[in-house]
Amino acid sequence: MTTSPRPSLPGTPAPGDLELTAGDDLVLRRHRADDVPGIVAQCIDPVSVEYTIVPTPYGTEQAEAFVAMCRRDWEAGTAAAFAVVVDGRFAGTVDLQLREAGWAEVGFGLGPWARGRGVGVRAVRRVLRWGFDDLGLEGVHWRAHVGNHATRRTAERCGVRVEGEVRGLLVQRGRRRDGWIGSVRRGDDLEPAV
């Protein structure tokens, strides 16, 4: 594993060359313009449409806006979004939305070509470790739509304790949906919590 530059405090921008690894084949780095075709392919996948808040329809313009938003969030120190790259190919995103009092919320999604191979678990664990070790986070929340069992399994395999189901927790394209919520804290084992 490579070591990453250590920001002084949560909320400070990370250097542009920040790169994390999780095995020989998986790199986590900031999003770039050449990720746009992969982002579009991921965001038009029916599973992504069903369980995320990506706009529909989704095309190049929306992907370019997403890359620009990720850059602005890094610069503002409000979020750390990593492109997941497997064997040199864009595979998805893992992000930490930084919150008050040393907490963040983790989100993640993969394109269909990267699912079912353990990529999500390795990427999420690596970003969580970075958040705890390098940013000094105290805890991380996770939320997902009820029924998104694959995402829930990934979260649980990363040490997230699913603590409940909340009616109307999430808003997706103007509609309230029930959601699962969980957390992982500094010092927790980032292995399965179930």
Protein backbone atom coordinates (compact mmCIF):
# COMPACT_ATOMS: atom_id res chain seq x y z
CA MET A 1 0.00 0.00 0.00
CA THR A 2 1.18 3.49 -0.72
CA THR A 3 1.04 6.10 1.95
CA SER A 4 -0.88 9.23 1.25
CA PRO A 5 0.02 12.80 2.10
CA ARG A 6 -1.54 13.66 5.44
CA PRO A 7 -3.82 16.71 5.41
CA SER A 8 -3.51 18.81 8.54
CA LEU A 9 -7.22 18.72 9.42
CA PRO A 10 -10.44 17.34 7.99
CA GLY A 11 -11.80 19.89 5.56
CA THR A 12 -8.45 20.82 4.05
CA PRO A 13 -7.93 20.06 0.38
CA ALA A 14 -5.76 17.08 -0.51
CA PRO A 15 -2.94 17.38 -3.02
CA GLY A 16 -3.85 16.74 -6.64
CA ASP A 17 -1.55 13.73 -6.83
CA LEU A 18 -3.17 11.85 -3.94
CA GLU A 19 -3.36 8.17 -4.81
CA LEU A 20 -4.27 5.17 -2.67
CA THR A 21 -3.81 1.54 -3.61
CA ALA A 22 -5.62 -1.60 -2.51
CA GLY A 23 -3.70 -4.42 -4.12
CA ASP A 24 -1.71 -4.50 -7.34
CA ASP A 25 -4.75 -3.98 -9.56
CA LEU A 26 -6.76 -1.31 -7.71
CA VAL A 27 -5.95 2.40 -7.52
CA LEU A 28 -8.03 5.14 -5.91
CA ARG A 29 -7.34 8.64 -7.23
CA ARG A 30 -9.06 11.90 -7.96
CA HIS A 31 -11.45 11.95 -10.91
CA ARG A 32 -10.19 13.12 -14.30
CA ALA A 33 -11.74 14.12 -17.61
CA ASP A 34 -10.86 10.75 -19.15
CA ASP A 35 -13.16 9.06 -16.58
CA VAL A 36 -16.23 10.61 -18.23
CA PRO A 37 -17.09 7.68 -20.57
CA GLY A 38 -16.84 5.22 -17.66
CA ILE A 39 -18.95 7.46 -15.43
CA VAL A 40 -21.65 7.65 -18.11
CA ALA A 41 -21.62 3.85 -18.55
CA GLN A 42 -21.94 3.34 -14.80
CA CYS A 43 -24.72 5.90 -14.38
CA ILE A 44 -26.95 4.53 -17.15
CA ASP A 45 -26.74 1.00 -15.74
CA PRO A 46 -30.22 -0.01 -14.49
CA VAL A 47 -28.93 -0.96 -11.01
CA SER A 48 -27.27 2.45 -10.61
CA VAL A 49 -30.45 4.19 -11.75
CA GLU A 50 -32.58 2.15 -9.32
CA TYR A 51 -30.46 2.67 -6.20
CA THR A 52 -28.71 6.03 -6.59
CA ILE A 53 -29.63 9.66 -7.10
CA VAL A 54 -28.00 9.98 -10.54
CA PRO A 55 -30.09 12.15 -12.83
CA THR A 56 -31.97 10.51 -15.67
CA PRO A 57 -31.30 10.75 -18.50
CA TYR A 58 -27.53 10.77 -17.91
CA GLY A 59 -24.91 11.70 -20.47
CA THR A 60 -21.55 13.34 -21.05
CA GLU A 61 -22.71 16.72 -19.74
CA GLN A 62 -23.79 15.25 -16.40
CA ALA A 63 -20.55 13.26 -16.06
CA GLU A 64 -18.43 16.34 -16.78
CA ALA A 65 -20.43 18.26 -14.16
CA PHE A 66 -19.82 15.41 -11.67
CA VAL A 67 -16.04 15.52 -12.28
CA ALA A 68 -16.07 19.32 -11.81
CA MET A 69 -18.13 18.97 -8.59
CA CYS A 70 -15.66 16.42 -7.23
CA ARG A 71 -12.80 18.84 -7.93
CA ARG A 72 -14.63 21.73 -6.22
CA ASP A 73 -15.47 19.57 -3.19
CA TRP A 74 -11.81 18.51 -2.81
CA GLU A 75 -10.71 22.15 -3.07
CA ALA A 76 -13.34 23.28 -0.54
CA GLY A 77 -12.46 20.41 1.79
CA THR A 78 -16.09 19.26 2.01
CA ALA A 79 -15.72 15.85 0.35
CA ALA A 80 -13.10 13.41 -0.86
CA ALA A 81 -14.29 11.52 -3.94
CA PHE A 82 -12.02 8.82 -5.33
CA ALA A 83 -12.26 7.26 -8.76
CA VAL A 84 -11.92 3.49 -8.42
CA VAL A 85 -9.58 2.23 -11.16
CA VAL A 86 -9.13 -1.51 -11.73
CA ASP A 87 -6.43 -2.70 -14.13
CA GLY A 88 -6.28 0.82 -15.56
CA ARG A 89 -10.06 1.07 -16.22
CA PHE A 90 -12.49 3.38 -14.43
CA ALA A 91 -14.73 1.16 -12.30
CA GLY A 92 -16.68 3.50 -10.00
CA THR A 93 -16.48 5.98 -7.13
CA VAL A 94 -16.02 5.92 -3.36
CA ASP A 95 -16.48 9.17 -1.49
CA LEU A 96 -16.42 10.60 2.00
CA GLN A 97 -18.74 13.56 2.57
CA LEU A 98 -17.08 15.36 5.47
CA ARG A 99 -19.41 16.37 8.31
CA GLU A 100 -19.07 18.21 11.60
CA ALA A 101 -17.35 16.91 14.72
CA GLY A 102 -15.00 14.50 12.96
CA TRP A 103 -17.59 12.42 11.13
CA ALA A 104 -18.22 11.70 7.45
CA GLU A 105 -20.67 9.78 5.30
CA VAL A 106 -19.38 7.15 2.88
CA GLY A 107 -20.95 6.51 -0.49
CA PHE A 108 -19.90 4.13 -3.22
CA GLY A 109 -20.96 2.67 -6.52
CA LEU A 110 -19.42 0.51 -9.21
CA GLY A 111 -20.10 -0.13 -12.86
CA PRO A 112 -21.46 -3.59 -13.67
CA TRP A 113 -18.09 -4.71 -15.09
CA ALA A 114 -16.49 -4.33 -11.62
CA ARG A 115 -19.18 -5.88 -9.44
CA GLY A 116 -18.97 -9.29 -7.79
CA ARG A 117 -15.16 -9.33 -7.67
CA GLY A 118 -14.49 -7.85 -4.23
CA VAL A 119 -13.50 -4.50 -5.77
CA GLY A 120 -16.05 -2.52 -3.75
CA VAL A 121 -14.99 -4.04 -0.44
CA ARG A 122 -11.30 -3.38 -1.07
CA ALA A 123 -11.95 0.19 -2.26
CA VAL A 124 -14.30 1.12 0.59
CA ARG A 125 -12.01 -0.39 3.26
CA ARG A 126 -9.04 1.52 1.85
CA VAL A 127 -10.90 4.84 1.82
CA LEU A 128 -12.22 4.23 5.36
CA ARG A 129 -8.68 3.50 6.59
CA TRP A 130 -7.48 6.70 4.92
CA GLY A 131 -10.31 8.65 6.55
CA PHE A 132 -9.53 7.32 10.01
CA ASP A 133 -5.72 7.32 9.77
CA ASP A 134 -5.00 10.36 7.63
CA LEU A 135 -8.00 12.63 8.20
CA GLY A 136 -8.45 11.65 11.84
CA LEU A 137 -12.16 10.90 11.47
CA GLU A 138 -13.98 9.63 14.54
CA GLY A 139 -16.77 7.87 12.67
CA VAL A 140 -18.45 7.32 9.33
CA HIS A 141 -22.14 6.93 8.57
CA TRP A 142 -23.51 4.87 5.67
CA ARG A 143 -26.97 4.99 4.12
CA ALA A 144 -28.61 3.07 1.28
CA HIS A 145 -32.04 2.40 -0.16
CA VAL A 146 -33.85 -0.53 1.41
CA GLY A 147 -33.51 -3.42 -1.01
CA ASN A 148 -29.99 -2.60 -2.19
CA HIS A 149 -28.63 -5.83 -0.75
CA ALA A 150 -25.34 -5.78 -2.69
CA THR A 151 -24.41 -2.39 -1.25
CA ARG A 152 -25.46 -3.48 2.22
CA ARG A 153 -23.26 -6.61 1.98
CA THR A 154 -20.30 -4.46 0.90
CA ALA A 155 -20.85 -2.06 3.81
CA GLU A 156 -21.11 -4.92 6.31
CA ARG A 157 -17.96 -6.55 4.94
CA CYS A 158 -16.20 -3.23 5.67
CA GLY A 159 -17.22 -3.22 9.34
CA VAL A 160 -20.33 -1.05 9.04
CA ARG A 161 -22.94 -1.97 11.62
CA VAL A 162 -26.38 -1.58 10.08
CA GLU A 163 -28.35 0.02 12.89
CA GLY A 164 -31.77 0.45 11.43
CA GLU A 165 -34.30 1.04 8.72
CA VAL A 166 -35.78 4.53 8.55
CA ARG A 167 -38.96 5.39 6.67
CA GLY A 168 -38.47 8.19 4.15
CA LEU A 169 -34.75 8.55 4.96
CA LEU A 170 -33.56 9.20 1.42
CA VAL A 171 -34.73 11.41 -1.42
CA GLN A 172 -34.33 10.04 -4.92
CA ARG A 173 -35.32 12.26 -7.85
CA GLY A 174 -38.00 14.06 -5.81
CA ARG A 175 -39.41 10.96 -4.08
CA ARG A 176 -38.86 9.81 -0.49
CA ARG A 177 -37.57 6.25 -0.10
CA ASP A 178 -36.98 4.11 2.95
CA GLY A 179 -33.34 3.66 3.85
CA TRP A 180 -30.93 1.61 5.88
CA ILE A 181 -28.45 3.44 8.09
CA GLY A 182 -25.30 2.27 9.79
CA SER A 183 -21.93 3.39 11.05
CA VAL A 184 -18.34 2.42 11.65
CA ARG A 185 -16.10 4.15 14.21
CA ARG A 186 -12.40 4.70 14.63
CA GLY A 187 -10.92 1.56 16.13
CA ASP A 188 -13.68 -0.72 14.83
CA ASP A 189 -12.57 -3.74 12.86
CA LEU A 190 -13.07 -2.98 9.17
CA GLU A 191 -13.98 -6.60 8.61
CA PRO A 192 -17.49 -8.09 8.57
CA ALA A 193 -19.72 -6.80 11.37
CA VAL A 194 -22.29 -9.59 10.93
